[in-house]
Amino acid sequence: MVAKADWSAGFLYDEFPLTLDTGKRTEAVGPFFSYEEKDTQRQLALPPFFSRTRDPDLESTEIDFLYPILTYDRYGEEYRFQILQWFAFAGGQTQEENQKNRFTLFPIYFQQRSEIPEFNYTAVFPVYGTLKNRLFRDEIRFAAFPIYAMTRRKDVVTDNYLYPIFHLRRGDGLRGWQVWPLVGSEHKEITSRINSLDEEEVIPGHDRFFAFWPIFLKNTAGIGTDNPAKQISVLPLFTSLRSPKRDSLTAPWPIGLTLTEDRERKYREVGAPWPLIVFARGEGKYTSRVWPFFSQASTTNLQSNFYLWPIYKYNQFRSPPLERERTRILFFLYSDIIEKNLETPDAKRRVDLWPLFTFRRDLDGKERLQILSILEPILPNNKSIERVYSPIWSLWRSEKNPKTDAASRSFLWNLYRCDRLQDVKKRSLLFGLFQYQSAPEGNQWRLFYFPIGTNNTKDASITNEEAAMYERIAQPGTFK
């Protein structure tokens, strides 16, 4: 008996099993509607306007509307809703199981409410307010900004007056002040703390001073360690760094001669001017660079080359058992990324040629080719782009799964489609007006959605027993 054929109308309506995963997908009205079931995940898309992806088992929901204008993401108790990144709601349960809810009208209004009162804050910029764990600071307080603003990062507190002109800084063994850009000074004592292993850890001290910034700078870092570093800069005349492990001098700065000796990594480097023309030799580094004509640079586990930058660029990172290579031409015009596990034959690869195609192969050998590819080379691995925009310009799609021996090809949004699952092959052409399916049980044709003939290969063939009987009949004298 011929295997049952799924209903297909090509560009108008088509449903088919997924090739790279377990599940089913329905597409209709060309690229403008799709519904996909993959394991426990359900995805509805109306490109280029809307997409919704839900997974009840993972308690996750992702919604995009005119991406990136409006997005909503939820994972368990955590959620975030934003409009153009300036109007946003966010909240959820932290690792300490505290519920937090945020509202932002960037950059004017910031609000957070929590079950724990000390986590609450409200800010109306630039009038008055408090922020906590925002803008790369643990805490920010301001009033009539820039007249006054206080920032805290760990134990370091900075009081700013007429920001950024005056500030006073304090912390654990730390004192500092500045009248920018005229003069400023900061000193930190050697202190200690108990780390995560319950061991005492030394925190180095430092001294910093500037006058008529950035003309004169004098800094000492790493005080209390085996590698204290002293830096003096009188710009644009010179800048000098001296330490037990590394010395460097540039004169004049920034386009003069740079001489560097790194005793820790065992190399010497000459730049004239750095970083345009650089030559480094030693165990820890090899570099020959004349920008933008060519560069060959390598360290213990890194390699970076370019020729006629940015026409050709090559990077390699090797840290056994992992290796990553990337070749680029004109930034994202052409990109070839290969990731390998050196202990196995498995390799992951992605090739982009903007705007013509994107090819991907994962560690399981699953492959996907898409023609055309407008935004994917520029914003790789962006799920929202793949859901709401890729279907619009994907004139050709082909997928292959070597583990299940499944493959599929689609041209012009299923105007032509071919699917293969092991020994079963199905082809559809011109909105499904012409369909053909072959299977071990037999072949079937459909014309204008009606079956026009079936070839039952099992009935048309003969068994081994029947063949042996025919041979006996054909032998002379078998029946007398």
Protein backbone atom coordinates (compact mmCIF):
# COMPACT_ATOMS: atom_id res chain seq x y z
CA MET A 1 0.00 0.00 0.00
CA VAL A 2 1.30 3.47 -0.85
CA ALA A 3 2.22 5.66 2.16
CA LYS A 4 -0.29 8.40 2.93
CA ALA A 5 0.76 11.73 1.36
CA ASP A 6 0.44 14.95 3.41
CA TRP A 7 -1.82 17.60 1.94
CA SER A 8 0.23 20.22 0.03
CA ALA A 9 -0.68 23.37 -1.86
CA GLY A 10 2.80 24.83 -2.06
CA PHE A 11 2.89 28.60 -1.72
CA LEU A 12 -0.73 28.67 -0.47
CA TYR A 13 -0.54 25.94 2.19
CA ASP A 14 1.93 23.22 3.07
CA GLU A 15 2.57 21.05 6.11
CA PHE A 16 5.58 18.82 6.51
CA PRO A 17 7.76 17.15 9.18
CA LEU A 18 10.80 19.01 10.46
CA THR A 19 14.10 17.86 9.04
CA LEU A 20 16.58 18.89 11.72
CA ASP A 21 14.36 18.24 14.75
CA THR A 22 11.40 16.16 15.82
CA GLY A 23 8.13 17.89 15.02
CA LYS A 24 5.97 19.40 12.31
CA ARG A 25 5.64 22.76 10.54
CA THR A 26 2.81 24.42 8.66
CA GLU A 27 3.36 27.30 6.22
CA ALA A 28 0.70 29.30 4.37
CA VAL A 29 0.41 32.38 2.17
CA GLY A 30 4.04 32.16 1.16
CA PRO A 31 6.35 33.54 3.87
CA PHE A 32 3.61 35.34 5.81
CA PHE A 33 2.37 32.55 8.11
CA SER A 34 3.98 29.60 9.87
CA TYR A 35 3.19 27.39 12.82
CA GLU A 36 5.76 24.96 14.17
CA GLU A 37 5.62 22.19 16.76
CA LYS A 38 9.05 21.03 17.96
CA ASP A 39 9.12 18.72 20.96
CA THR A 40 7.27 20.75 23.62
CA GLN A 41 7.84 24.08 21.87
CA ARG A 42 5.14 25.87 19.84
CA GLN A 43 5.96 28.76 17.53
CA LEU A 44 3.57 31.03 15.60
CA ALA A 45 4.97 33.61 13.18
CA LEU A 46 3.40 36.26 10.94
CA PRO A 47 6.51 37.70 9.25
CA PRO A 48 7.59 40.46 9.31
CA PHE A 49 5.19 41.65 11.99
CA PHE A 50 4.84 39.14 14.80
CA SER A 51 6.18 35.93 16.30
CA ARG A 52 5.43 34.02 19.49
CA THR A 53 7.41 31.07 20.83
CA ARG A 54 6.22 29.13 23.88
CA ASP A 55 7.59 26.10 25.74
CA PRO A 56 5.42 25.05 28.71
CA ASP A 57 8.02 22.57 29.98
CA LEU A 58 10.66 25.31 30.19
CA GLU A 59 8.10 27.91 31.31
CA SER A 60 9.35 30.24 28.58
CA THR A 61 7.62 32.70 26.23
CA GLU A 62 9.19 34.97 23.60
CA ILE A 63 7.12 37.53 21.68
CA ASP A 64 8.39 39.92 18.99
CA PHE A 65 6.29 42.64 17.37
CA LEU A 66 7.93 44.64 14.59
CA TYR A 67 11.28 43.54 16.04
CA PRO A 68 13.20 45.23 17.58
CA ILE A 69 10.48 47.80 18.35
CA LEU A 70 8.61 45.65 20.87
CA THR A 71 9.74 42.46 22.60
CA TYR A 72 8.54 40.38 25.54
CA ASP A 73 10.58 37.55 27.09
CA ARG A 74 9.69 35.36 30.02
CA TYR A 75 11.68 32.50 31.59
CA GLY A 76 10.06 31.06 34.67
CA GLU A 77 9.44 33.91 37.09
CA GLU A 78 11.65 36.37 35.20
CA TYR A 79 10.19 38.63 32.49
CA ARG A 80 11.08 41.68 30.42
CA PHE A 81 8.96 43.88 28.16
CA GLN A 82 10.45 46.78 26.18
CA ILE A 83 9.54 49.29 23.48
CA LEU A 84 12.58 50.66 21.62
CA GLN A 85 14.72 50.08 24.75
CA TRP A 86 13.46 53.29 26.35
CA PHE A 87 10.14 52.05 27.76
CA ALA A 88 10.54 48.81 29.69
CA PHE A 89 9.06 46.57 32.39
CA ALA A 90 11.16 43.83 33.98
CA GLY A 91 10.92 41.63 37.02
CA GLY A 92 11.06 38.19 38.52
CA GLN A 93 12.58 36.20 41.30
CA THR A 94 16.28 36.55 42.08
CA GLN A 95 18.60 33.77 43.23
CA GLU A 96 17.76 34.78 46.78
CA GLU A 97 14.08 34.15 45.89
CA ASN A 98 13.17 37.83 46.17
CA GLN A 99 10.58 39.23 43.78
CA LYS A 100 11.66 42.36 41.89
CA ASN A 101 9.73 44.46 39.36
CA ARG A 102 11.26 47.22 37.27
CA PHE A 103 9.79 50.00 35.17
CA THR A 104 11.96 52.24 32.97
CA LEU A 105 11.19 55.21 30.75
CA PHE A 106 14.76 55.75 29.61
CA PRO A 107 16.45 58.10 30.39
CA ILE A 108 13.86 59.96 32.44
CA TYR A 109 12.20 57.61 34.92
CA PHE A 110 13.54 54.51 36.73
CA GLN A 111 11.64 52.46 39.30
CA GLN A 112 12.06 49.14 41.12
CA ARG A 113 9.81 47.50 43.72
CA SER A 114 10.71 44.45 45.78
CA GLU A 115 9.50 42.46 48.75
CA ILE A 116 12.61 43.73 50.55
CA PRO A 117 12.32 47.53 51.07
CA GLU A 118 16.08 48.19 50.73
CA PHE A 119 15.92 47.03 47.10
CA ASN A 120 13.30 49.66 46.21
CA TYR A 121 14.28 52.79 44.33
CA THR A 122 12.81 55.63 42.25
CA ALA A 123 14.63 58.14 40.07
CA VAL A 124 13.43 61.06 37.94
CA PHE A 125 16.40 62.23 35.90
CA PRO A 126 17.90 64.83 36.25
CA VAL A 127 15.82 66.04 39.19
CA TYR A 128 16.30 63.54 42.01
CA GLY A 129 16.51 59.84 42.68
CA THR A 130 18.33 56.60 43.43
CA LEU A 131 19.37 53.70 41.21
CA LYS A 132 20.63 50.31 42.37
CA ASN A 133 22.56 47.83 40.23
CA ARG A 134 22.07 49.94 37.12
CA LEU A 135 24.46 51.58 34.64
CA PHE A 136 27.42 49.45 35.80
CA ARG A 137 27.21 50.75 39.37
CA ASP A 138 25.97 49.15 42.58
CA GLU A 139 24.25 52.39 43.58
CA ILE A 140 23.71 55.88 42.13
CA ARG A 141 22.18 58.86 43.93
CA PHE A 142 21.71 62.27 42.32
CA ALA A 143 20.02 65.62 42.88
CA ALA A 144 19.76 68.33 40.22
CA PHE A 145 22.33 66.47 38.11
CA PRO A 146 25.07 67.48 37.28
CA ILE A 147 25.18 69.56 40.47
CA TYR A 148 25.46 66.43 42.66
CA ALA A 149 25.76 62.71 42.04
CA MET A 150 27.04 59.87 44.23
CA THR A 151 28.11 56.53 42.76
CA ARG A 152 29.14 53.34 44.58
CA ARG A 153 30.91 50.34 43.13
CA LYS A 154 31.65 47.68 45.75
CA ASP A 155 33.32 49.63 48.60
CA VAL A 156 34.39 52.65 46.50
CA VAL A 157 32.14 55.73 46.87
CA THR A 158 32.53 58.80 44.67
CA ASP A 159 30.80 62.11 45.44
CA ASN A 160 30.59 64.28 42.29
CA TYR A 161 29.92 68.03 42.36
CA LEU A 162 29.29 69.78 39.04
CA TYR A 163 30.02 66.45 37.36
CA PRO A 164 32.67 65.75 36.09
CA ILE A 165 34.65 68.71 37.48
CA PHE A 166 34.85 68.06 41.27
CA HIS A 167 34.83 64.72 43.05
CA LEU A 168 35.81 63.16 46.37
CA ARG A 169 36.46 59.42 46.49
CA ARG A 170 36.63 57.10 49.50
CA GLY A 171 36.77 53.39 50.18
CA ASP A 172 38.61 50.65 52.05
CA GLY A 173 42.05 52.25 52.45
CA LEU A 174 41.20 54.64 49.58
CA ARG A 175 41.20 58.41 49.44
CA GLY A 176 41.05 60.64 46.35
CA TRP A 177 39.98 64.00 44.94
CA GLN A 178 40.03 65.94 41.67
CA VAL A 179 39.38 69.34 40.14
CA TRP A 180 39.17 68.21 36.55
CA PRO A 181 41.01 68.90 34.28
CA LEU A 182 43.41 70.92 36.47
CA VAL A 183 44.64 68.48 39.11
CA GLY A 184 43.69 65.25 40.86
CA SER A 185 45.14 62.67 43.25
CA GLU A 186 44.21 59.24 44.60
CA HIS A 187 45.93 56.86 47.04
CA LYS A 188 45.00 53.34 48.07
CA GLU A 189 46.65 51.39 50.85
CA ILE A 190 47.44 47.67 50.66
CA THR A 191 44.41 45.84 52.07
CA SER A 192 43.14 42.27 52.27
CA ARG A 193 39.90 40.32 52.12
CA ILE A 194 38.63 36.75 52.52
CA ASN A 195 37.91 35.15 49.17
CA SER A 196 35.37 32.44 48.27
CA LEU A 197 37.82 29.73 49.45
CA ASP A 198 37.99 31.31 52.93
CA GLU A 199 41.57 32.37 52.25
CA GLU A 200 43.06 35.80 52.89
CA GLU A 201 43.68 37.63 49.61
CA VAL A 202 45.90 40.71 49.28
CA ILE A 203 44.40 43.67 47.39
CA PRO A 204 47.20 45.78 45.86
CA GLY A 205 47.48 49.48 46.50
CA HIS A 206 47.97 52.29 43.98
CA ASP A 207 48.85 55.97 43.61
CA ARG A 208 47.43 58.21 40.86
CA PHE A 209 48.08 61.86 40.06
CA PHE A 210 47.32 64.14 37.11
CA ALA A 211 47.87 67.81 36.30
CA PHE A 212 46.30 69.57 33.35
CA TRP A 213 44.77 66.29 32.19
CA PRO A 214 45.83 64.59 29.96
CA ILE A 215 49.19 66.43 29.76
CA PHE A 216 50.83 65.08 32.92
CA LEU A 217 49.96 61.68 34.44
CA LYS A 218 51.82 59.75 37.13
CA ASN A 219 50.51 56.37 38.28
CA THR A 220 51.84 53.49 40.36
CA ALA A 221 49.86 50.23 40.31
CA GLY A 222 50.34 46.84 41.95
CA ILE A 223 51.80 48.19 45.20
CA GLY A 224 52.40 45.25 47.53
CA THR A 225 52.82 42.71 44.72
CA ASP A 226 55.91 41.29 43.02
CA ASN A 227 55.21 43.47 39.95
CA PRO A 228 54.61 47.11 40.92
CA ALA A 229 54.27 49.20 37.74
CA LYS A 230 55.16 52.90 37.50
CA GLN A 231 53.82 54.98 34.60
CA ILE A 232 54.71 58.57 33.77
CA SER A 233 53.19 60.48 30.83
CA VAL A 234 54.06 63.96 29.63
CA LEU A 235 51.93 64.27 26.52
CA PRO A 236 52.61 64.57 23.70
CA LEU A 237 56.34 64.21 24.51
CA PHE A 238 56.41 60.67 25.92
CA THR A 239 54.79 57.98 28.07
CA SER A 240 56.82 55.44 30.02
CA LEU A 241 55.95 52.24 31.92
CA ARG A 242 58.45 50.47 34.18
CA SER A 243 57.93 47.25 36.17
CA PRO A 244 59.95 44.14 37.08
CA LYS A 245 58.16 42.16 34.36
CA ARG A 246 57.61 44.75 31.62
CA ASP A 247 59.09 48.02 30.31
CA SER A 248 57.59 50.21 27.59
CA LEU A 249 58.40 53.66 26.21
CA THR A 250 56.59 55.73 23.55
CA ALA A 251 58.00 59.04 22.30
CA PRO A 252 56.35 61.14 21.04
CA TRP A 253 52.88 59.89 21.97
CA PRO A 254 50.75 58.51 20.29
CA ILE A 255 52.44 58.33 16.87
CA GLY A 256 56.08 58.01 17.85
CA LEU A 257 58.49 55.14 18.41
CA THR A 258 57.35 52.49 20.92
CA LEU A 259 59.86 50.09 22.52
CA THR A 260 58.56 47.25 24.71
CA GLU A 261 60.37 44.47 26.56
CA ASP A 262 58.12 41.89 28.22
CA ARG A 263 60.27 39.72 30.46
CA GLU A 264 57.34 37.67 31.72
CA ARG A 265 56.13 36.59 28.25
CA LYS A 266 59.67 36.70 26.81
CA TYR A 267 59.42 38.98 23.79
CA ARG A 268 60.57 42.37 22.53
CA GLU A 269 58.44 44.71 20.43
CA VAL A 270 59.13 47.76 18.30
CA GLY A 271 56.36 50.01 16.97
CA ALA A 272 56.98 52.98 14.71
CA PRO A 273 54.33 54.23 15.15
CA TRP A 274 52.41 51.74 17.31
CA PRO A 275 49.98 50.12 16.46
CA LEU A 276 50.34 50.78 12.71
CA ILE A 277 53.85 49.42 12.21
CA VAL A 278 54.83 46.75 14.76
CA PHE A 279 57.48 44.03 14.92
CA ALA A 280 57.69 41.67 17.91
CA ARG A 281 59.98 38.69 18.40
CA GLY A 282 60.23 36.19 21.24
CA GLU A 283 58.82 33.01 22.76
CA GLY A 284 55.59 34.60 23.88
CA LYS A 285 54.74 36.70 20.80
CA TYR A 286 55.52 37.02 17.10
CA THR A 287 54.21 40.00 15.14
CA SER A 288 54.98 41.60 11.77
CA ARG A 289 52.51 44.37 10.94
CA VAL A 290 52.46 47.20 8.43
CA TRP A 291 48.87 48.48 8.57
CA PRO A 292 46.81 48.34 6.38
CA PHE A 293 48.94 46.23 4.03
CA PHE A 294 49.62 43.10 6.05
CA SER A 295 49.94 41.60 9.53
CA GLN A 296 51.05 38.25 10.92
CA ALA A 297 50.71 37.89 14.68
CA SER A 298 50.73 34.86 16.99
CA THR A 299 50.99 34.00 20.67
CA THR A 300 50.86 30.70 22.55
CA ASN A 301 47.24 29.98 21.58
CA LEU A 302 46.22 32.88 19.31
CA GLN A 303 46.89 33.70 15.67
CA SER A 304 45.73 36.78 13.76
CA ASN A 305 46.59 37.67 10.16
CA PHE A 306 45.31 40.24 7.68
CA TYR A 307 46.19 41.38 4.18
CA LEU A 308 45.02 44.72 2.76
CA TRP A 309 42.83 45.27 5.82
CA PRO A 310 39.85 44.88 5.86
CA ILE A 311 39.85 42.87 2.62
CA TYR A 312 41.18 39.67 4.21
CA LYS A 313 41.27 38.75 7.93
CA TYR A 314 42.05 35.41 9.63
CA ASN A 315 41.84 34.54 13.35
CA GLN A 316 42.52 31.30 15.18
CA PHE A 317 42.10 30.43 18.86
CA ARG A 318 43.48 27.11 20.04
CA SER A 319 43.06 25.82 23.58
CA PRO A 320 42.93 22.00 23.50
CA PRO A 321 40.59 20.31 23.12
CA LEU A 322 38.87 23.31 21.43
CA GLU A 323 39.90 25.16 18.28
CA ARG A 324 38.12 28.04 16.55
CA GLU A 325 39.01 29.53 13.15
CA ARG A 326 37.43 32.47 11.36
CA THR A 327 38.15 33.83 7.89
CA ARG A 328 36.59 37.14 6.84
CA ILE A 329 36.54 39.27 3.72
CA LEU A 330 35.40 42.88 4.07
CA PHE A 331 34.05 42.35 7.60
CA PHE A 332 30.76 40.45 7.08
CA LEU A 333 30.73 40.28 3.27
CA TYR A 334 32.21 36.79 3.62
CA SER A 335 32.68 34.90 6.87
CA ASP A 336 33.71 31.28 7.49
CA ILE A 337 33.75 30.03 11.11
CA ILE A 338 34.94 26.53 12.03
CA GLU A 339 34.81 25.19 15.60
CA LYS A 340 36.46 21.83 16.30
CA ASN A 341 36.80 19.39 19.14
CA LEU A 342 40.37 18.17 18.65
CA GLU A 343 39.62 14.90 20.48
CA THR A 344 36.80 13.92 18.12
CA PRO A 345 36.15 14.25 14.36
CA ASP A 346 33.16 16.52 15.06
CA ALA A 347 33.26 20.07 13.71
CA LYS A 348 30.82 22.98 13.67
CA ARG A 349 30.80 25.39 10.73
CA ARG A 350 29.03 28.53 9.56
CA VAL A 351 29.59 30.26 6.21
CA ASP A 352 28.00 33.61 5.26
CA LEU A 353 28.23 35.42 1.93
CA TRP A 354 26.22 38.61 2.24
CA PRO A 355 23.56 38.93 0.92
CA LEU A 356 23.55 35.66 -1.02
CA PHE A 357 23.55 32.78 1.45
CA THR A 358 24.10 31.40 4.95
CA PHE A 359 25.25 27.81 5.51
CA ARG A 360 25.37 26.10 8.90
CA ARG A 361 26.50 22.67 10.11
CA ASP A 362 26.37 21.71 13.79
CA LEU A 363 28.38 19.13 15.73
CA ASP A 364 25.79 16.43 14.93
CA GLY A 365 26.32 16.97 11.20
CA LYS A 366 22.95 18.68 10.66
CA GLU A 367 23.16 21.13 7.74
CA ARG A 368 21.08 24.09 6.58
CA LEU A 369 21.52 26.35 3.54
CA GLN A 370 19.53 29.54 3.01
CA ILE A 371 19.46 31.78 -0.09
CA LEU A 372 19.09 34.88 0.25
CA SER A 373 20.53 36.09 3.58
CA ILE A 374 20.09 39.82 4.19
CA LEU A 375 20.55 40.37 7.94
CA GLU A 376 21.83 37.00 9.14
CA PRO A 377 25.53 37.66 8.26
CA ILE A 378 25.36 41.02 10.08
CA LEU A 379 23.46 39.73 13.15
CA PRO A 380 24.37 36.03 13.38
CA ASN A 381 22.52 33.69 15.78
CA ASN A 382 19.74 36.23 16.34
CA LYS A 383 16.59 34.14 16.92
CA SER A 384 14.22 37.06 16.36
CA ILE A 385 15.74 37.83 12.95
CA GLU A 386 15.41 34.16 11.95
CA ARG A 387 11.75 34.03 13.04
CA VAL A 388 10.31 37.28 11.70
CA TYR A 389 12.56 38.33 8.81
CA SER A 390 14.39 35.32 7.36
CA PRO A 391 11.20 33.76 5.89
CA ILE A 392 10.59 36.91 3.82
CA TRP A 393 13.76 36.65 1.72
CA SER A 394 14.54 32.91 1.98
CA LEU A 395 14.12 32.05 -1.71
CA TRP A 396 15.80 28.66 -1.26
CA ARG A 397 16.09 26.47 1.84
CA SER A 398 17.73 23.08 2.09
CA GLU A 399 18.25 20.99 5.22
CA LYS A 400 19.90 17.63 5.89
CA ASN A 401 19.96 15.42 8.97
CA PRO A 402 22.44 12.53 8.62
CA LYS A 403 21.29 10.78 11.80
CA THR A 404 17.72 10.31 10.58
CA ASP A 405 18.59 10.31 6.85
CA ALA A 406 16.08 13.15 6.39
CA ALA A 407 16.44 15.99 3.89
CA SER A 408 14.28 18.79 2.50
CA ARG A 409 14.47 21.50 -0.17
CA SER A 410 12.16 24.43 -0.77
CA PHE A 411 12.17 27.03 -3.56
CA LEU A 412 10.08 30.20 -3.62
CA TRP A 413 8.19 29.46 -0.40
CA ASN A 414 7.28 25.87 -1.35
CA LEU A 415 6.39 26.62 -4.95
CA TYR A 416 8.69 23.63 -5.38
CA ARG A 417 9.33 21.37 -2.40
CA CYS A 418 11.09 18.05 -1.94
CA ASP A 419 11.20 16.01 1.28
CA ARG A 420 12.97 12.75 2.03
CA LEU A 421 12.63 10.63 5.14
CA GLN A 422 14.67 7.44 4.84
CA ASP A 423 13.13 5.54 1.88
CA VAL A 424 10.13 7.86 1.41
CA LYS A 425 10.46 10.79 -1.02
CA LYS A 426 7.88 13.44 -1.77
CA ARG A 427 7.94 16.19 -4.41
CA SER A 428 5.47 19.02 -4.95
CA LEU A 429 5.41 21.62 -7.77
CA LEU A 430 3.26 24.64 -8.69
CA PHE A 431 1.19 25.02 -5.51
CA GLY A 432 0.94 21.25 -5.21
CA LEU A 433 -0.79 20.86 -8.58
CA PHE A 434 1.83 18.24 -9.44
CA GLN A 435 2.87 15.84 -6.67
CA TYR A 436 4.90 12.66 -6.66
CA GLN A 437 5.69 10.31 -3.80
CA SER A 438 7.86 7.22 -3.80
CA ALA A 439 8.09 4.66 -1.03
CA PRO A 440 9.05 0.98 -0.65
CA GLU A 441 5.36 0.12 -0.77
CA GLY A 442 4.91 1.85 -4.10
CA ASN A 443 4.79 5.16 -5.99
CA GLN A 444 1.95 7.64 -6.33
CA TRP A 445 1.17 10.60 -8.64
CA ARG A 446 -1.26 13.44 -7.95
CA LEU A 447 -2.48 15.92 -10.54
CA PHE A 448 -4.65 18.85 -9.41
CA TYR A 449 -4.68 17.19 -5.96
CA PHE A 450 -6.25 13.96 -7.28
CA PRO A 451 -4.38 10.65 -7.48
CA ILE A 452 -3.95 9.57 -11.09
CA GLY A 453 -2.07 6.34 -10.67
CA THR A 454 -0.37 4.00 -8.29
CA ASN A 455 2.47 1.60 -9.04
CA ASN A 456 2.54 -1.09 -6.38
CA THR A 457 6.09 -2.38 -6.64
CA LYS A 458 5.42 -5.18 -4.22
CA ASP A 459 2.63 -6.60 -6.43
CA ALA A 460 4.64 -6.16 -9.63
CA SER A 461 7.64 -8.05 -8.36
CA ILE A 462 8.08 -11.83 -7.87
CA THR A 463 9.38 -13.66 -4.84
CA ASN A 464 12.39 -15.96 -4.79
CA GLU A 465 10.12 -19.00 -4.55
CA GLU A 466 8.18 -17.90 -7.64
CA ALA A 467 11.42 -17.35 -9.59
CA ALA A 468 12.65 -20.87 -8.66
CA MET A 469 9.35 -22.36 -9.81
CA TYR A 470 9.58 -20.59 -13.18
CA GLU A 471 13.10 -21.96 -13.68
CA ARG A 472 11.86 -25.51 -13.05
CA ILE A 473 9.03 -25.02 -15.55
CA ALA A 474 11.46 -23.78 -18.18
CA GLN A 475 13.71 -26.85 -17.88
CA PRO A 476 13.06 -29.53 -20.58
CA GLY A 477 11.31 -32.63 -19.37
CA THR A 478 10.10 -31.14 -16.16
CA PHE A 479 6.47 -32.09 -16.91
CA LYS A 480 5.77 -35.18 -19.04
